[in-house]
Amino acid sequence: MSIDYIAVLDHDHLDNGLFLKTFANALAKHQHRGLIIHSDSQYTDRIIQTGVMRDDARKRAIKDLNNRLIALLADEGVSAIGLNGYQRELISMTNGNISVDVEQLKKLPEQPVLLLSSLIYSHDSQQPVSAPLADVTASLQEALNVEHTFLFARSDDSELIKKELPESLEDVPDEKEFLQNNVPEEFQENTVSAKLISANDFRNYPNLKNFTQL
């Protein structure tokens, strides 16, 4: 099993129907194998309003989102395998350290897309836990030796209006302001090496031009 890239669906984008449709359509254009990683969304808060505790609501939201995303991708003709990280202990955590079972991942069918959630197995509590999305992404990057990781621009109009992104953070006058306005909140204070892009531009992979190297 080889993974050509990792694409991250962050908290806010998971509640953006227009973005998700554009993203799924972009995947349908690819001839490469990708791994999509996601956590929860505002759906967690809606479950909490029904009286469910936050931790349980987050777990339920992540599981539901994994199923919904598989259905969304299927609607665009994208064949995908959906798994939560804790299943088969594919991704697990001990004393705060996250590990990825690469051998098990290699045994999965060669579908074009592998959809994984950040709901991983904790050896300490012996149950599924929701791990920080950035930490899980970094662990997958390292374990799978994936060169390209993609984050999607926060700005609400990024999928509607063509915007030119700077090539790197060195090209922006105020790095802190750029990160706050454009980079998903989960990744604003971490060192994951990634490309910031829009879903529209992501459809052109691997021939990408408009992205910011973070």
C-alpha atoms as a PDB file:
ATOM      1  CA  MET A   1       0.000   0.000   0.000  1.00  0.00           C
ATOM      2  CA  SER A   2       1.351   3.382  -1.008  1.00  0.00           C
ATOM      3  CA  ILE A   3      -0.200   6.704  -0.088  1.00  0.00           C
ATOM      4  CA  ASP A   4       0.526   9.633  -2.384  1.00  0.00           C
ATOM      5  CA  TYR A   5      -0.854  12.348  -0.117  1.00  0.00           C
ATOM      6  CA  ILE A   6      -2.724  13.132   3.087  1.00  0.00           C
ATOM      7  CA  ALA A   7      -5.647  15.574   2.968  1.00  0.00           C
ATOM      8  CA  VAL A   8      -7.032  16.992   6.219  1.00  0.00           C
ATOM      9  CA  LEU A   9     -10.707  17.818   6.781  1.00  0.00           C
ATOM     10  CA  ASP A  10     -10.735  20.157   9.770  1.00  0.00           C
ATOM     11  CA  HIS A  11     -13.537  21.013  12.210  1.00  0.00           C
ATOM     12  CA  ASP A  12     -14.986  23.997  10.324  1.00  0.00           C
ATOM     13  CA  HIS A  13     -14.805  22.515   6.813  1.00  0.00           C
ATOM     14  CA  LEU A  14     -16.679  19.398   7.949  1.00  0.00           C
ATOM     15  CA  ASP A  15     -19.754  21.589   8.471  1.00  0.00           C
ATOM     16  CA  ASN A  16     -19.449  23.326   5.098  1.00  0.00           C
ATOM     17  CA  GLY A  17     -21.615  21.511   2.559  1.00  0.00           C
ATOM     18  CA  LEU A  18     -20.372  23.507  -0.447  1.00  0.00           C
ATOM     19  CA  PHE A  19     -16.740  22.830   0.451  1.00  0.00           C
ATOM     20  CA  LEU A  20     -17.342  19.106   0.991  1.00  0.00           C
ATOM     21  CA  LYS A  21     -19.036  18.726  -2.390  1.00  0.00           C
ATOM     22  CA  THR A  22     -16.197  20.617  -4.095  1.00  0.00           C
ATOM     23  CA  PHE A  23     -13.650  18.491  -2.238  1.00  0.00           C
ATOM     24  CA  ALA A  24     -15.342  15.224  -3.240  1.00  0.00           C
ATOM     25  CA  ASN A  25     -15.524  16.386  -6.845  1.00  0.00           C
ATOM     26  CA  ALA A  26     -11.798  17.204  -6.714  1.00  0.00           C
ATOM     27  CA  LEU A  27     -10.992  13.700  -5.465  1.00  0.00           C
ATOM     28  CA  ALA A  28     -12.942  12.246  -8.378  1.00  0.00           C
ATOM     29  CA  LYS A  29     -10.454  13.911 -10.764  1.00  0.00           C
ATOM     30  CA  HIS A  30      -7.404  12.291  -9.143  1.00  0.00           C
ATOM     31  CA  GLN A  31      -5.532   9.271 -10.436  1.00  0.00           C
ATOM     32  CA  HIS A  32      -3.523   8.947  -7.210  1.00  0.00           C
ATOM     33  CA  ARG A  33      -4.200   7.274  -3.869  1.00  0.00           C
ATOM     34  CA  GLY A  34      -4.963   9.586  -0.974  1.00  0.00           C
ATOM     35  CA  LEU A  35      -5.554   9.287   2.741  1.00  0.00           C
ATOM     36  CA  ILE A  36      -8.187  11.617   4.198  1.00  0.00           C
ATOM     37  CA  ILE A  37      -8.040  12.317   7.938  1.00  0.00           C
ATOM     38  CA  HIS A  38     -10.871  13.991   9.858  1.00  0.00           C
ATOM     39  CA  SER A  39     -12.042  14.697  13.398  1.00  0.00           C
ATOM     40  CA  ASP A  40     -15.380  16.128  14.566  1.00  0.00           C
ATOM     41  CA  SER A  41     -17.408  19.196  13.581  1.00  0.00           C
ATOM     42  CA  GLN A  42     -20.134  21.457  14.938  1.00  0.00           C
ATOM     43  CA  TYR A  43     -22.280  18.322  14.792  1.00  0.00           C
ATOM     44  CA  THR A  44     -20.781  17.504  18.213  1.00  0.00           C
ATOM     45  CA  ASP A  45     -22.456  20.583  19.714  1.00  0.00           C
ATOM     46  CA  ARG A  46     -25.789  19.635  18.201  1.00  0.00           C
ATOM     47  CA  ILE A  47     -25.557  16.186  19.815  1.00  0.00           C
ATOM     48  CA  ILE A  48     -24.653  17.789  23.163  1.00  0.00           C
ATOM     49  CA  GLN A  49     -27.867  19.812  22.978  1.00  0.00           C
ATOM     50  CA  THR A  50     -29.784  16.520  23.159  1.00  0.00           C
ATOM     51  CA  GLY A  51     -28.282  15.831  26.595  1.00  0.00           C
ATOM     52  CA  VAL A  52     -25.216  13.765  25.665  1.00  0.00           C
ATOM     53  CA  MET A  53     -21.926  14.453  27.487  1.00  0.00           C
ATOM     54  CA  ARG A  54     -19.263  16.186  25.349  1.00  0.00           C
ATOM     55  CA  ASP A  55     -16.793  13.297  25.223  1.00  0.00           C
ATOM     56  CA  ASP A  56     -19.469  10.821  24.153  1.00  0.00           C
ATOM     57  CA  ALA A  57     -20.959  13.355  21.743  1.00  0.00           C
ATOM     58  CA  ARG A  58     -17.601  13.887  20.052  1.00  0.00           C
ATOM     59  CA  LYS A  59     -17.063  10.145  19.612  1.00  0.00           C
ATOM     60  CA  ARG A  60     -20.545   9.717  18.167  1.00  0.00           C
ATOM     61  CA  ALA A  61     -20.097  12.699  15.842  1.00  0.00           C
ATOM     62  CA  ILE A  62     -16.782  11.388  14.506  1.00  0.00           C
ATOM     63  CA  LYS A  63     -18.234   7.947  13.789  1.00  0.00           C
ATOM     64  CA  ASP A  64     -21.294   9.436  12.086  1.00  0.00           C
ATOM     65  CA  LEU A  65     -19.164  11.811  10.027  1.00  0.00           C
ATOM     66  CA  ASN A  66     -17.004   8.946   8.806  1.00  0.00           C
ATOM     67  CA  ASN A  67     -20.106   7.213   7.435  1.00  0.00           C
ATOM     68  CA  ARG A  68     -21.518  10.423   5.977  1.00  0.00           C
ATOM     69  CA  LEU A  69     -18.262  11.245   4.214  1.00  0.00           C
ATOM     70  CA  ILE A  70     -18.114   7.791   2.625  1.00  0.00           C
ATOM     71  CA  ALA A  71     -21.644   8.365   1.285  1.00  0.00           C
ATOM     72  CA  LEU A  72     -20.732  11.858   0.049  1.00  0.00           C
ATOM     73  CA  LEU A  73     -17.689  10.539  -1.793  1.00  0.00           C
ATOM     74  CA  ALA A  74     -19.733   7.718  -3.307  1.00  0.00           C
ATOM     75  CA  ASP A  75     -22.203  10.288  -4.686  1.00  0.00           C
ATOM     76  CA  GLU A  76     -19.290  11.811  -6.627  1.00  0.00           C
ATOM     77  CA  GLY A  77     -18.123   8.412  -7.853  1.00  0.00           C
ATOM     78  CA  VAL A  78     -15.199   8.106  -5.440  1.00  0.00           C
ATOM     79  CA  SER A  79     -14.580   4.632  -4.016  1.00  0.00           C
ATOM     80  CA  ALA A  80     -13.327   4.821  -0.430  1.00  0.00           C
ATOM     81  CA  ILE A  81     -12.727   2.740   2.678  1.00  0.00           C
ATOM     82  CA  GLY A  82     -13.891   4.403   5.890  1.00  0.00           C
ATOM     83  CA  LEU A  83     -12.343   3.488   9.224  1.00  0.00           C
ATOM     84  CA  ASN A  84     -12.010   5.008  12.653  1.00  0.00           C
ATOM     85  CA  GLY A  85      -8.453   5.047  13.918  1.00  0.00           C
ATOM     86  CA  TYR A  86      -9.242   2.851  16.917  1.00  0.00           C
ATOM     87  CA  GLN A  87     -10.525  -0.018  14.753  1.00  0.00           C
ATOM     88  CA  ARG A  88      -7.986  -2.857  14.669  1.00  0.00           C
ATOM     89  CA  GLU A  89      -5.867  -0.412  16.704  1.00  0.00           C
ATOM     90  CA  LEU A  90      -4.715   1.111  13.424  1.00  0.00           C
ATOM     91  CA  ILE A  91      -3.783   4.258  15.313  1.00  0.00           C
ATOM     92  CA  SER A  92      -3.159   4.017  19.024  1.00  0.00           C
ATOM     93  CA  MET A  93      -1.783   6.087  21.872  1.00  0.00           C
ATOM     94  CA  THR A  94       0.291   5.176  24.928  1.00  0.00           C
ATOM     95  CA  ASN A  95       1.323   7.815  27.469  1.00  0.00           C
ATOM     96  CA  GLY A  96       0.446  10.535  24.974  1.00  0.00           C
ATOM     97  CA  ASN A  97       2.564   9.014  22.182  1.00  0.00           C
ATOM     98  CA  ILE A  98       0.693   8.143  18.990  1.00  0.00           C
ATOM     99  CA  SER A  99       1.703   5.158  16.861  1.00  0.00           C
ATOM    100  CA  VAL A 100       0.431   3.923  13.492  1.00  0.00           C
ATOM    101  CA  ASP A 101       0.166   0.236  12.588  1.00  0.00           C
ATOM    102  CA  VAL A 102       1.620   0.503   9.098  1.00  0.00           C
ATOM    103  CA  GLU A 103       1.549  -3.256   8.502  1.00  0.00           C
ATOM    104  CA  GLN A 104      -2.219  -3.382   9.044  1.00  0.00           C
ATOM    105  CA  LEU A 105      -2.730  -0.393   6.769  1.00  0.00           C
ATOM    106  CA  LYS A 106      -0.775  -2.191   4.059  1.00  0.00           C
ATOM    107  CA  LYS A 107      -3.253  -5.081   4.228  1.00  0.00           C
ATOM    108  CA  LEU A 108      -6.245  -2.886   3.385  1.00  0.00           C
ATOM    109  CA  PRO A 109      -7.738  -3.167  -0.121  1.00  0.00           C
ATOM    110  CA  GLU A 110      -6.208  -0.841  -2.705  1.00  0.00           C
ATOM    111  CA  GLN A 111      -9.126   1.565  -2.911  1.00  0.00           C
ATOM    112  CA  PRO A 112      -8.403   5.026  -4.352  1.00  0.00           C
ATOM    113  CA  VAL A 113      -9.184   6.729  -1.032  1.00  0.00           C
ATOM    114  CA  LEU A 114      -8.699   5.730   2.589  1.00  0.00           C
ATOM    115  CA  LEU A 115     -10.811   7.771   5.025  1.00  0.00           C
ATOM    116  CA  LEU A 116      -9.575   7.686   8.622  1.00  0.00           C
ATOM    117  CA  SER A 117     -10.884   9.458  11.708  1.00  0.00           C
ATOM    118  CA  SER A 118      -8.861  10.815  14.618  1.00  0.00           C
ATOM    119  CA  LEU A 119     -10.820   8.596  17.016  1.00  0.00           C
ATOM    120  CA  ILE A 120      -7.918   6.360  18.053  1.00  0.00           C
ATOM    121  CA  TYR A 121      -7.319   3.593  20.587  1.00  0.00           C
ATOM    122  CA  SER A 122      -5.891   4.515  23.980  1.00  0.00           C
ATOM    123  CA  HIS A 123      -3.862   1.756  25.639  1.00  0.00           C
ATOM    124  CA  ASP A 124      -4.010   3.738  28.878  1.00  0.00           C
ATOM    125  CA  SER A 125      -7.817   3.851  29.137  1.00  0.00           C
ATOM    126  CA  GLN A 126      -8.359   0.808  26.862  1.00  0.00           C
ATOM    127  CA  GLN A 127     -11.040   2.623  24.906  1.00  0.00           C
ATOM    128  CA  PRO A 128     -11.376   4.966  21.904  1.00  0.00           C
ATOM    129  CA  VAL A 129     -10.314   8.587  22.464  1.00  0.00           C
ATOM    130  CA  SER A 130     -10.484  11.653  20.253  1.00  0.00           C
ATOM    131  CA  ALA A 131      -6.880  12.692  19.625  1.00  0.00           C
ATOM    132  CA  PRO A 132      -5.784  16.148  18.389  1.00  0.00           C
ATOM    133  CA  LEU A 133      -6.117  16.250  14.616  1.00  0.00           C
ATOM    134  CA  ALA A 134      -2.685  17.836  14.122  1.00  0.00           C
ATOM    135  CA  ASP A 135      -0.973  15.152  16.232  1.00  0.00           C
ATOM    136  CA  VAL A 136      -2.637  12.316  14.315  1.00  0.00           C
ATOM    137  CA  THR A 137      -1.745  13.964  11.002  1.00  0.00           C
ATOM    138  CA  ALA A 138       1.908  14.335  12.008  1.00  0.00           C
ATOM    139  CA  SER A 139       2.053  10.692  13.130  1.00  0.00           C
ATOM    140  CA  LEU A 140       0.590   9.474   9.817  1.00  0.00           C
ATOM    141  CA  GLN A 141       2.997  11.692   7.887  1.00  0.00           C
ATOM    142  CA  GLU A 142       5.989  10.190   9.616  1.00  0.00           C
ATOM    143  CA  ALA A 143       4.823   6.562   9.721  1.00  0.00           C
ATOM    144  CA  LEU A 144       3.789   6.446   6.068  1.00  0.00           C
ATOM    145  CA  ASN A 145       6.592   8.706   4.819  1.00  0.00           C
ATOM    146  CA  VAL A 146       4.097  10.831   2.877  1.00  0.00           C
ATOM    147  CA  GLU A 147       5.594  13.798   1.084  1.00  0.00           C
ATOM    148  CA  HIS A 148       2.441  15.852   0.480  1.00  0.00           C
ATOM    149  CA  THR A 149      -0.053  16.895   3.157  1.00  0.00           C
ATOM    150  CA  PHE A 150      -2.870  19.311   2.344  1.00  0.00           C
ATOM    151  CA  LEU A 151      -4.796  21.711   4.579  1.00  0.00           C
ATOM    152  CA  PHE A 152      -7.664  23.771   3.225  1.00  0.00           C
ATOM    153  CA  ALA A 153      -7.922  27.533   3.493  1.00  0.00           C
ATOM    154  CA  ARG A 154     -10.300  28.841   6.164  1.00  0.00           C
ATOM    155  CA  SER A 155     -11.638  31.870   4.298  1.00  0.00           C
ATOM    156  CA  ASP A 156     -15.315  31.415   3.475  1.00  0.00           C
ATOM    157  CA  ASP A 157     -14.919  32.652  -0.092  1.00  0.00           C
ATOM    158  CA  SER A 158     -11.933  30.445  -0.966  1.00  0.00           C
ATOM    159  CA  GLU A 159     -14.110  28.045  -2.968  1.00  0.00           C
ATOM    160  CA  LEU A 160     -16.116  30.771  -4.717  1.00  0.00           C
ATOM    161  CA  ILE A 161     -13.583  33.438  -5.625  1.00  0.00           C
ATOM    162  CA  LYS A 162     -10.209  32.611  -7.157  1.00  0.00           C
ATOM    163  CA  LYS A 163      -7.554  33.822  -4.726  1.00  0.00           C
ATOM    164  CA  GLU A 164      -3.837  33.766  -5.264  1.00  0.00           C
ATOM    165  CA  LEU A 165      -2.035  32.289  -2.288  1.00  0.00           C
ATOM    166  CA  PRO A 166       1.544  33.254  -1.402  1.00  0.00           C
ATOM    167  CA  GLU A 167       4.104  30.541  -2.142  1.00  0.00           C
ATOM    168  CA  SER A 168       5.369  30.464   1.436  1.00  0.00           C
ATOM    169  CA  LEU A 169       4.990  32.190   4.797  1.00  0.00           C
ATOM    170  CA  GLU A 170       8.116  34.172   3.984  1.00  0.00           C
ATOM    171  CA  ASP A 171       6.079  36.003   1.345  1.00  0.00           C
ATOM    172  CA  VAL A 172       3.416  37.365   3.738  1.00  0.00           C
ATOM    173  CA  PRO A 173       3.842  40.706   5.573  1.00  0.00           C
ATOM    174  CA  ASP A 174       2.206  39.478   8.804  1.00  0.00           C
ATOM    175  CA  GLU A 175       2.639  35.743   9.389  1.00  0.00           C
ATOM    176  CA  LYS A 176       0.485  35.635  12.512  1.00  0.00           C
ATOM    177  CA  GLU A 177      -2.425  37.383  10.788  1.00  0.00           C
ATOM    178  CA  PHE A 178      -2.121  35.122   7.742  1.00  0.00           C
ATOM    179  CA  LEU A 179      -2.214  31.983   9.892  1.00  0.00           C
ATOM    180  CA  GLN A 180      -5.261  33.197  11.850  1.00  0.00           C
ATOM    181  CA  ASN A 181      -7.192  34.112   8.712  1.00  0.00           C
ATOM    182  CA  ASN A 182      -6.273  31.186   6.494  1.00  0.00           C
ATOM    183  CA  VAL A 183      -4.976  28.120   8.345  1.00  0.00           C
ATOM    184  CA  PRO A 184      -7.421  25.781  10.142  1.00  0.00           C
ATOM    185  CA  GLU A 185      -7.439  26.480  13.864  1.00  0.00           C
ATOM    186  CA  GLU A 186      -6.155  23.004  14.753  1.00  0.00           C
ATOM    187  CA  PHE A 187      -2.933  23.679  12.822  1.00  0.00           C
ATOM    188  CA  GLN A 188      -2.116  27.279  13.708  1.00  0.00           C
ATOM    189  CA  GLU A 189       0.363  26.369  16.451  1.00  0.00           C
ATOM    190  CA  ASN A 190       1.987  23.154  15.260  1.00  0.00           C
ATOM    191  CA  THR A 191       4.881  22.204  13.019  1.00  0.00           C
ATOM    192  CA  VAL A 192       3.167  19.909  10.499  1.00  0.00           C
ATOM    193  CA  SER A 193       4.700  20.467   7.089  1.00  0.00           C
ATOM    194  CA  ALA A 194       1.781  21.011   4.739  1.00  0.00           C
ATOM    195  CA  LYS A 195       0.461  22.822   1.712  1.00  0.00           C
ATOM    196  CA  LEU A 196      -2.444  25.242   2.219  1.00  0.00           C
ATOM    197  CA  ILE A 197      -4.784  25.093  -0.755  1.00  0.00           C
ATOM    198  CA  SER A 198      -8.402  25.483  -1.860  1.00  0.00           C
ATOM    199  CA  ALA A 199     -10.547  22.523  -2.857  1.00  0.00           C
ATOM    200  CA  ASN A 200     -10.846  23.951  -6.358  1.00  0.00           C
ATOM    201  CA  ASP A 201      -7.078  24.019  -6.809  1.00  0.00           C
ATOM    202  CA  PHE A 202      -6.717  20.609  -5.117  1.00  0.00           C
ATOM    203  CA  ARG A 203      -8.499  19.007  -8.088  1.00  0.00           C
ATOM    204  CA  ASN A 204      -5.367  19.677 -10.179  1.00  0.00           C
ATOM    205  CA  TYR A 205      -3.134  17.388  -8.089  1.00  0.00           C
ATOM    206  CA  PRO A 206      -0.303  16.590  -8.741  1.00  0.00           C
ATOM    207  CA  ASN A 207       0.090  19.628 -11.032  1.00  0.00           C
ATOM    208  CA  LEU A 208      -0.463  22.273  -8.366  1.00  0.00           C
ATOM    209  CA  LYS A 209       0.332  25.948  -8.733  1.00  0.00           C
ATOM    210  CA  ASN A 210      -1.730  27.957  -6.244  1.00  0.00           C
ATOM    211  CA  PHE A 211      -0.828  26.936  -2.682  1.00  0.00           C
ATOM    212  CA  THR A 212       1.152  28.112   0.313  1.00  0.00           C
ATOM    213  CA  GLN A 213       3.913  25.915   1.714  1.00  0.00           C
ATOM    214  CA  LEU A 214       3.599  25.939   5.515  1.00  0.00           C
END
